[in-house]
Amino acid sequence: MRALNAAADELRKFAPDGGVYINEAYVFEQNHEQAFWGDNAARLYEIKSIYDPSNIFQGWQTVGWDSNDPIYSCYAALDPSASN
């Protein structure tokens, strides 16, 4: 994971405002909202709040995900940017 993060950092230098295809994105994308949703993030959150007000439908770094949900603890344990 650390090597992959280092490689992704090199690519970010060439396109710091570039986007990513979410299905092939780096799982620990540092600025995932901008990379995945760009200028559409605010509108997507607004739509989600209308159709999923209880935030039932969520996944890792998707619109409205709860990073504190214990279901994601396995991802957090692998995060190379976290201090170990």
PDB file of N, CA and C in Angstrom:
ATOM      1  N   MET A   1       0.816  -1.184   0.000  1.00  0.00           N
ATOM      2  CA  MET A   1       0.000   0.000   0.000  1.00  0.00           C
ATOM      3  C   MET A   1       0.868   1.260   0.000  1.00  0.00           C
ATOM      4  N   ARG A   2       1.969   1.203   0.741  1.00  0.00           N
ATOM      5  CA  ARG A   2       2.855   2.372   0.774  1.00  0.00           C
ATOM      6  C   ARG A   2       3.469   2.635  -0.606  1.00  0.00           C
ATOM      7  N   ALA A   3       3.877   1.587  -1.294  1.00  0.00           N
ATOM      8  CA  ALA A   3       4.466   1.739  -2.629  1.00  0.00           C
ATOM      9  C   ALA A   3       3.432   2.286  -3.612  1.00  0.00           C
ATOM     10  N   LEU A   4       2.212   1.807  -3.511  1.00  0.00           N
ATOM     11  CA  LEU A   4       1.148   2.288  -4.385  1.00  0.00           C
ATOM     12  C   LEU A   4       0.850   3.757  -4.107  1.00  0.00           C
ATOM     13  N   ASN A   5       0.836   4.128  -2.848  1.00  0.00           N
ATOM     14  CA  ASN A   5       0.614   5.522  -2.485  1.00  0.00           C
ATOM     15  C   ASN A   5       1.737   6.407  -3.023  1.00  0.00           C
ATOM     16  N   ALA A   6       2.966   5.941  -2.934  1.00  0.00           N
ATOM     17  CA  ALA A   6       4.107   6.712  -3.443  1.00  0.00           C
ATOM     18  C   ALA A   6       4.002   6.893  -4.961  1.00  0.00           C
ATOM     19  N   ALA A   7       3.594   5.849  -5.661  1.00  0.00           N
ATOM     20  CA  ALA A   7       3.416   5.938  -7.116  1.00  0.00           C
ATOM     21  C   ALA A   7       2.291   6.918  -7.454  1.00  0.00           C
ATOM     22  N   ALA A   8       1.204   6.869  -6.703  1.00  0.00           N
ATOM     23  CA  ALA A   8       0.092   7.786  -6.940  1.00  0.00           C
ATOM     24  C   ALA A   8       0.511   9.230  -6.681  1.00  0.00           C
ATOM     25  N   ASP A   9       1.341   9.461  -5.688  1.00  0.00           N
ATOM     26  CA  ASP A   9       1.838  10.805  -5.412  1.00  0.00           C
ATOM     27  C   ASP A   9       2.622  11.367  -6.594  1.00  0.00           C
ATOM     28  N   GLU A  10       3.404  10.515  -7.235  1.00  0.00           N
ATOM     29  CA  GLU A  10       4.165  10.963  -8.416  1.00  0.00           C
ATOM     30  C   GLU A  10       3.224  11.383  -9.537  1.00  0.00           C
ATOM     31  N   LEU A  11       2.154  10.631  -9.739  1.00  0.00           N
ATOM     32  CA  LEU A  11       1.180  10.974 -10.777  1.00  0.00           C
ATOM     33  C   LEU A  11       0.420  12.255 -10.420  1.00  0.00           C
ATOM     34  N   ARG A  12       0.130  12.449  -9.161  1.00  0.00           N
ATOM     35  CA  ARG A  12      -0.576  13.659  -8.729  1.00  0.00           C
ATOM     36  C   ARG A  12       0.243  14.918  -9.024  1.00  0.00           C
ATOM     37  N   LYS A  13       1.561  14.802  -9.043  1.00  0.00           N
ATOM     38  CA  LYS A  13       2.409  15.954  -9.353  1.00  0.00           C
ATOM     39  C   LYS A  13       2.158  16.452 -10.773  1.00  0.00           C
ATOM     40  N   PHE A  14       1.859  15.525 -11.689  1.00  0.00           N
ATOM     41  CA  PHE A  14       1.630  15.884 -13.082  1.00  0.00           C
ATOM     42  C   PHE A  14       0.223  16.428 -13.316  1.00  0.00           C
ATOM     43  N   ALA A  15      -0.725  15.990 -12.525  1.00  0.00           N
ATOM     44  CA  ALA A  15      -2.113  16.429 -12.690  1.00  0.00           C
ATOM     45  C   ALA A  15      -2.758  16.611 -11.317  1.00  0.00           C
ATOM     46  N   PRO A  16      -2.363  17.649 -10.579  1.00  0.00           N
ATOM     47  CA  PRO A  16      -2.847  17.818  -9.204  1.00  0.00           C
ATOM     48  C   PRO A  16      -4.360  17.988  -9.099  1.00  0.00           C
ATOM     49  N   ASP A  17      -4.999  18.474 -10.139  1.00  0.00           N
ATOM     50  CA  ASP A  17      -6.448  18.651 -10.117  1.00  0.00           C
ATOM     51  C   ASP A  17      -7.158  17.613 -10.972  1.00  0.00           C
ATOM     52  N   GLY A  18      -6.433  16.562 -11.333  1.00  0.00           N
ATOM     53  CA  GLY A  18      -7.008  15.530 -12.184  1.00  0.00           C
ATOM     54  C   GLY A  18      -8.027  14.683 -11.449  1.00  0.00           C
ATOM     55  N   GLY A  19      -8.891  14.083 -12.198  1.00  0.00           N
ATOM     56  CA  GLY A  19      -9.899  13.203 -11.625  1.00  0.00           C
ATOM     57  C   GLY A  19      -9.482  11.752 -11.759  1.00  0.00           C
ATOM     58  N   VAL A  20     -10.303  10.887 -11.242  1.00  0.00           N
ATOM     59  CA  VAL A  20     -10.040   9.454 -11.308  1.00  0.00           C
ATOM     60  C   VAL A  20     -11.333   8.721 -11.632  1.00  0.00           C
ATOM     61  N   TYR A  21     -11.193   7.541 -12.161  1.00  0.00           N
ATOM     62  CA  TYR A  21     -12.327   6.660 -12.380  1.00  0.00           C
ATOM     63  C   TYR A  21     -12.494   5.861 -11.098  1.00  0.00           C
ATOM     64  N   ILE A  22     -13.606   6.038 -10.420  1.00  0.00           N
ATOM     65  CA  ILE A  22     -13.768   5.526  -9.058  1.00  0.00           C
ATOM     66  C   ILE A  22     -13.548   4.021  -8.940  1.00  0.00           C
ATOM     67  N   ASN A  23     -13.930   3.245  -9.936  1.00  0.00           N
ATOM     68  CA  ASN A  23     -13.751   1.794  -9.837  1.00  0.00           C
ATOM     69  C   ASN A  23     -12.297   1.369  -9.925  1.00  0.00           C
ATOM     70  N   GLU A  24     -11.442   2.243 -10.410  1.00  0.00           N
ATOM     71  CA  GLU A  24     -10.023   1.917 -10.528  1.00  0.00           C
ATOM     72  C   GLU A  24      -9.160   2.885  -9.722  1.00  0.00           C
ATOM     73  N   ALA A  25      -9.777   3.638  -8.857  1.00  0.00           N
ATOM     74  CA  ALA A  25      -9.060   4.647  -8.085  1.00  0.00           C
ATOM     75  C   ALA A  25      -8.270   4.012  -6.949  1.00  0.00           C
ATOM     76  N   TYR A  26      -7.284   4.747  -6.511  1.00  0.00           N
ATOM     77  CA  TYR A  26      -6.504   4.348  -5.349  1.00  0.00           C
ATOM     78  C   TYR A  26      -7.421   4.377  -4.133  1.00  0.00           C
ATOM     79  N   VAL A  27      -7.472   3.319  -3.387  1.00  0.00           N
ATOM     80  CA  VAL A  27      -8.432   3.172  -2.282  1.00  0.00           C
ATOM     81  C   VAL A  27      -8.259   4.232  -1.197  1.00  0.00           C
ATOM     82  N   PHE A  28      -7.084   4.826  -1.089  1.00  0.00           N
ATOM     83  CA  PHE A  28      -6.852   5.868  -0.096  1.00  0.00           C
ATOM     84  C   PHE A  28      -6.640   7.219  -0.758  1.00  0.00           C
ATOM     85  N   GLU A  29      -7.359   7.477  -1.835  1.00  0.00           N
ATOM     86  CA  GLU A  29      -7.250   8.759  -2.536  1.00  0.00           C
ATOM     87  C   GLU A  29      -7.360   9.888  -1.519  1.00  0.00           C
ATOM     88  N   GLN A  30      -6.347  10.738  -1.483  1.00  0.00           N
ATOM     89  CA  GLN A  30      -6.257  11.756  -0.435  1.00  0.00           C
ATOM     90  C   GLN A  30      -7.369  12.794  -0.503  1.00  0.00           C
ATOM     91  N   ASN A  31      -7.737  13.199  -1.684  1.00  0.00           N
ATOM     92  CA  ASN A  31      -8.792  14.198  -1.844  1.00  0.00           C
ATOM     93  C   ASN A  31      -9.889  13.570  -2.695  1.00  0.00           C
ATOM     94  N   HIS A  32     -10.486  12.517  -2.143  1.00  0.00           N
ATOM     95  CA  HIS A  32     -11.415  11.723  -2.940  1.00  0.00           C
ATOM     96  C   HIS A  32     -12.627  12.501  -3.432  1.00  0.00           C
ATOM     97  N   GLU A  33     -13.143  13.435  -2.660  1.00  0.00           N
ATOM     98  CA  GLU A  33     -14.319  14.172  -3.113  1.00  0.00           C
ATOM     99  C   GLU A  33     -14.026  14.943  -4.396  1.00  0.00           C
ATOM    100  N   GLN A  34     -12.902  15.642  -4.425  1.00  0.00           N
ATOM    101  CA  GLN A  34     -12.538  16.386  -5.625  1.00  0.00           C
ATOM    102  C   GLN A  34     -12.188  15.438  -6.763  1.00  0.00           C
ATOM    103  N   ALA A  35     -11.416  14.395  -6.467  1.00  0.00           N
ATOM    104  CA  ALA A  35     -10.984  13.469  -7.510  1.00  0.00           C
ATOM    105  C   ALA A  35     -12.154  12.695  -8.116  1.00  0.00           C
ATOM    106  N   PHE A  36     -13.090  12.262  -7.290  1.00  0.00           N
ATOM    107  CA  PHE A  36     -14.200  11.449  -7.779  1.00  0.00           C
ATOM    108  C   PHE A  36     -15.354  12.282  -8.322  1.00  0.00           C
ATOM    109  N   TRP A  37     -15.709  13.369  -7.616  1.00  0.00           N
ATOM    110  CA  TRP A  37     -16.941  14.077  -7.941  1.00  0.00           C
ATOM    111  C   TRP A  37     -16.712  15.474  -8.490  1.00  0.00           C
ATOM    112  N   GLY A  38     -15.513  16.036  -8.279  1.00  0.00           N
ATOM    113  CA  GLY A  38     -15.203  17.363  -8.802  1.00  0.00           C
ATOM    114  C   GLY A  38     -16.186  18.414  -8.330  1.00  0.00           C
ATOM    115  N   ASP A  39     -16.588  19.279  -9.236  1.00  0.00           N
ATOM    116  CA  ASP A  39     -17.505  20.372  -8.905  1.00  0.00           C
ATOM    117  C   ASP A  39     -18.922  19.887  -8.634  1.00  0.00           C
ATOM    118  N   ASN A  40     -19.188  18.601  -8.851  1.00  0.00           N
ATOM    119  CA  ASN A  40     -20.523  18.045  -8.654  1.00  0.00           C
ATOM    120  C   ASN A  40     -20.765  17.550  -7.233  1.00  0.00           C
ATOM    121  N   ALA A  41     -19.758  17.564  -6.377  1.00  0.00           N
ATOM    122  CA  ALA A  41     -19.873  16.983  -5.035  1.00  0.00           C
ATOM    123  C   ALA A  41     -21.027  17.574  -4.240  1.00  0.00           C
ATOM    124  N   ALA A  42     -21.126  18.884  -4.182  1.00  0.00           N
ATOM    125  CA  ALA A  42     -22.177  19.515  -3.384  1.00  0.00           C
ATOM    126  C   ALA A  42     -23.564  19.107  -3.883  1.00  0.00           C
ATOM    127  N   ARG A  43     -23.744  19.077  -5.179  1.00  0.00           N
ATOM    128  CA  ARG A  43     -25.048  18.702  -5.753  1.00  0.00           C
ATOM    129  C   ARG A  43     -25.354  17.232  -5.467  1.00  0.00           C
ATOM    130  N   LEU A  44     -24.357  16.379  -5.540  1.00  0.00           N
ATOM    131  CA  LEU A  44     -24.573  14.964  -5.258  1.00  0.00           C
ATOM    132  C   LEU A  44     -24.967  14.741  -3.798  1.00  0.00           C
ATOM    133  N   TYR A  45     -24.349  15.463  -2.878  1.00  0.00           N
ATOM    134  CA  TYR A  45     -24.730  15.373  -1.467  1.00  0.00           C
ATOM    135  C   TYR A  45     -26.175  15.840  -1.274  1.00  0.00           C
ATOM    136  N   GLU A  46     -26.539  16.895  -1.975  1.00  0.00           N
ATOM    137  CA  GLU A  46     -27.901  17.416  -1.888  1.00  0.00           C
ATOM    138  C   GLU A  46     -28.907  16.371  -2.370  1.00  0.00           C
ATOM    139  N   ILE A  47     -28.623  15.752  -3.499  1.00  0.00           N
ATOM    140  CA  ILE A  47     -29.512  14.720  -4.045  1.00  0.00           C
ATOM    141  C   ILE A  47     -29.586  13.524  -3.103  1.00  0.00           C
ATOM    142  N   LYS A  48     -28.441  13.118  -2.575  1.00  0.00           N
ATOM    143  CA  LYS A  48     -28.422  11.978  -1.653  1.00  0.00           C
ATOM    144  C   LYS A  48     -29.263  12.268  -0.424  1.00  0.00           C
ATOM    145  N   SER A  49     -29.200  13.482   0.095  1.00  0.00           N
ATOM    146  CA  SER A  49     -29.979  13.813   1.295  1.00  0.00           C
ATOM    147  C   SER A  49     -31.481  13.734   1.031  1.00  0.00           C
ATOM    148  N   ILE A  50     -31.883  13.905  -0.204  1.00  0.00           N
ATOM    149  CA  ILE A  50     -33.305  13.807  -0.562  1.00  0.00           C
ATOM    150  C   ILE A  50     -33.736  12.343  -0.658  1.00  0.00           C
ATOM    151  N   TYR A  51     -32.958  11.541  -1.372  1.00  0.00           N
ATOM    152  CA  TYR A  51     -33.358  10.166  -1.671  1.00  0.00           C
ATOM    153  C   TYR A  51     -32.864   9.131  -0.666  1.00  0.00           C
ATOM    154  N   ASP A  52     -31.884   9.497   0.151  1.00  0.00           N
ATOM    155  CA  ASP A  52     -31.365   8.584   1.179  1.00  0.00           C
ATOM    156  C   ASP A  52     -31.100   9.382   2.456  1.00  0.00           C
ATOM    157  N   PRO A  53     -32.156   9.940   3.057  1.00  0.00           N
ATOM    158  CA  PRO A  53     -31.959  10.805   4.223  1.00  0.00           C
ATOM    159  C   PRO A  53     -31.367  10.085   5.434  1.00  0.00           C
ATOM    160  N   SER A  54     -31.522   8.778   5.512  1.00  0.00           N
ATOM    161  CA  SER A  54     -30.955   8.014   6.634  1.00  0.00           C
ATOM    162  C   SER A  54     -29.555   7.498   6.326  1.00  0.00           C
ATOM    163  N   ASN A  55     -29.051   7.823   5.144  1.00  0.00           N
ATOM    164  CA  ASN A  55     -27.706   7.416   4.718  1.00  0.00           C
ATOM    165  C   ASN A  55     -27.503   5.902   4.825  1.00  0.00           C
ATOM    166  N   ILE A  56     -28.498   5.180   4.344  1.00  0.00           N
ATOM    167  CA  ILE A  56     -28.442   3.719   4.369  1.00  0.00           C
ATOM    168  C   ILE A  56     -27.453   3.194   3.333  1.00  0.00           C
ATOM    169  N   PHE A  57     -27.483   3.779   2.145  1.00  0.00           N
ATOM    170  CA  PHE A  57     -26.631   3.312   1.058  1.00  0.00           C
ATOM    171  C   PHE A  57     -25.307   4.062   1.080  1.00  0.00           C
ATOM    172  N   GLN A  58     -24.264   3.378   1.432  1.00  0.00           N
ATOM    173  CA  GLN A  58     -22.949   3.994   1.450  1.00  0.00           C
ATOM    174  C   GLN A  58     -21.875   2.951   1.203  1.00  0.00           C
ATOM    175  N   GLY A  59     -20.749   3.407   0.764  1.00  0.00           N
ATOM    176  CA  GLY A  59     -19.585   2.572   0.533  1.00  0.00           C
ATOM    177  C   GLY A  59     -18.350   3.417   0.752  1.00  0.00           C
ATOM    178  N   TRP A  60     -17.210   2.784   0.767  1.00  0.00           N
ATOM    179  CA  TRP A  60     -15.945   3.463   1.016  1.00  0.00           C
ATOM    180  C   TRP A  60     -15.788   4.666   0.090  1.00  0.00           C
ATOM    181  N   GLN A  61     -15.696   5.834   0.639  1.00  0.00           N
ATOM    182  CA  GLN A  61     -15.473   7.109  -0.037  1.00  0.00           C
ATOM    183  C   GLN A  61     -16.534   7.461  -1.079  1.00  0.00           C
ATOM    184  N   THR A  62     -17.745   6.924  -0.928  1.00  0.00           N
ATOM    185  CA  THR A  62     -18.827   7.326  -1.818  1.00  0.00           C
ATOM    186  C   THR A  62     -19.498   8.574  -1.240  1.00  0.00           C
ATOM    187  N   VAL A  63     -20.418   9.142  -1.976  1.00  0.00           N
ATOM    188  CA  VAL A  63     -21.113  10.339  -1.524  1.00  0.00           C
ATOM    189  C   VAL A  63     -21.856  10.031  -0.232  1.00  0.00           C
ATOM    190  N   GLY A  64     -21.523  10.761   0.822  1.00  0.00           N
ATOM    191  CA  GLY A  64     -22.195  10.614   2.102  1.00  0.00           C
ATOM    192  C   GLY A  64     -21.700   9.495   2.992  1.00  0.00           C
ATOM    193  N   TRP A  65     -20.575   8.890   2.677  1.00  0.00           N
ATOM    194  CA  TRP A  65     -20.099   7.776   3.498  1.00  0.00           C
ATOM    195  C   TRP A  65     -19.681   8.268   4.874  1.00  0.00           C
ATOM    196  N   ASP A  66     -19.814   7.400   5.847  1.00  0.00           N
ATOM    197  CA  ASP A  66     -19.463   7.717   7.235  1.00  0.00           C
ATOM    198  C   ASP A  66     -18.137   7.044   7.555  1.00  0.00           C
ATOM    199  N   SER A  67     -17.068   7.816   7.564  1.00  0.00           N
ATOM    200  CA  SER A  67     -15.732   7.242   7.765  1.00  0.00           C
ATOM    201  C   SER A  67     -15.554   6.662   9.162  1.00  0.00           C
ATOM    202  N   ASN A  68     -16.436   7.014  10.079  1.00  0.00           N
ATOM    203  CA  ASN A  68     -16.344   6.481  11.440  1.00  0.00           C
ATOM    204  C   ASN A  68     -17.115   5.179  11.635  1.00  0.00           C
ATOM    205  N   ASP A  69     -17.813   4.733  10.597  1.00  0.00           N
ATOM    206  CA  ASP A  69     -18.565   3.484  10.693  1.00  0.00           C
ATOM    207  C   ASP A  69     -17.570   2.333  10.885  1.00  0.00           C
ATOM    208  N   PRO A  70     -17.781   1.477  11.880  1.00  0.00           N
ATOM    209  CA  PRO A  70     -16.846   0.370  12.156  1.00  0.00           C
ATOM    210  C   PRO A  70     -16.635  -0.573  10.974  1.00  0.00           C
ATOM    211  N   ILE A  71     -17.572  -0.600  10.050  1.00  0.00           N
ATOM    212  CA  ILE A  71     -17.426  -1.494   8.894  1.00  0.00           C
ATOM    213  C   ILE A  71     -16.193  -1.129   8.060  1.00  0.00           C
ATOM    214  N   TYR A  72     -15.740   0.118   8.152  1.00  0.00           N
ATOM    215  CA  TYR A  72     -14.586   0.571   7.370  1.00  0.00           C
ATOM    216  C   TYR A  72     -13.276   0.492   8.140  1.00  0.00           C
ATOM    217  N   SER A  73     -13.278  -0.042   9.329  1.00  0.00           N
ATOM    218  CA  SER A  73     -12.059  -0.082  10.144  1.00  0.00           C
ATOM    219  C   SER A  73     -10.953  -0.898   9.489  1.00  0.00           C
ATOM    220  N   CYS A  74     -11.308  -1.905   8.703  1.00  0.00           N
ATOM    221  CA  CYS A  74     -10.276  -2.704   8.037  1.00  0.00           C
ATOM    222  C   CYS A  74      -9.515  -1.870   7.007  1.00  0.00           C
ATOM    223  N   TYR A  75     -10.205  -0.940   6.331  1.00  0.00           N
ATOM    224  CA  TYR A  75      -9.529  -0.051   5.391  1.00  0.00           C
ATOM    225  C   TYR A  75      -8.590   0.887   6.143  1.00  0.00           C
ATOM    226  N   ALA A  76      -9.102   1.479   7.199  1.00  0.00           N
ATOM    227  CA  ALA A  76      -8.317   2.439   7.972  1.00  0.00           C
ATOM    228  C   ALA A  76      -7.051   1.810   8.512  1.00  0.00           C
ATOM    229  N   ALA A  77      -7.108   0.548   8.866  1.00  0.00           N
ATOM    230  CA  ALA A  77      -5.928  -0.134   9.404  1.00  0.00           C
ATOM    231  C   ALA A  77      -4.821  -0.290   8.360  1.00  0.00           C
ATOM    232  N   LEU A  78      -5.179  -0.240   7.079  1.00  0.00           N
ATOM    233  CA  LEU A  78      -4.218  -0.384   5.991  1.00  0.00           C
ATOM    234  C   LEU A  78      -3.719   0.933   5.417  1.00  0.00           C
ATOM    235  N   ASP A  79      -4.305   2.027   5.837  1.00  0.00           N
ATOM    236  CA  ASP A  79      -3.991   3.331   5.260  1.00  0.00           C
ATOM    237  C   ASP A  79      -2.528   3.699   5.473  1.00  0.00           C
ATOM    238  N   PRO A  80      -1.758   3.820   4.407  1.00  0.00           N
ATOM    239  CA  PRO A  80      -0.328   4.122   4.546  1.00  0.00           C
ATOM    240  C   PRO A  80      -0.050   5.533   5.051  1.00  0.00           C
ATOM    241  N   SER A  81      -1.021   6.429   4.965  1.00  0.00           N
ATOM    242  CA  SER A  81      -0.795   7.793   5.446  1.00  0.00           C
ATOM    243  C   SER A  81      -1.058   7.922   6.939  1.00  0.00           C
ATOM    244  N   ALA A  82      -1.683   6.897   7.527  1.00  0.00           N
ATOM    245  CA  ALA A  82      -1.947   6.926   8.969  1.00  0.00           C
ATOM    246  C   ALA A  82      -0.690   6.539   9.714  1.00  0.00           C
ATOM    247  N   SER A  83      -0.515   7.116  10.876  1.00  0.00           N
ATOM    248  CA  SER A  83       0.662   6.754  11.671  1.00  0.00           C
ATOM    249  C   SER A  83       0.433   5.396  12.306  1.00  0.00           C
ATOM    250  N   ASN A  84       1.424   4.536  12.204  1.00  0.00           N
ATOM    251  CA  ASN A  84       1.307   3.179  12.748  1.00  0.00           C
ATOM    252  C   ASN A  84       2.164   3.022  13.972  1.00  0.00           C
TER     253      ASN A  84
END
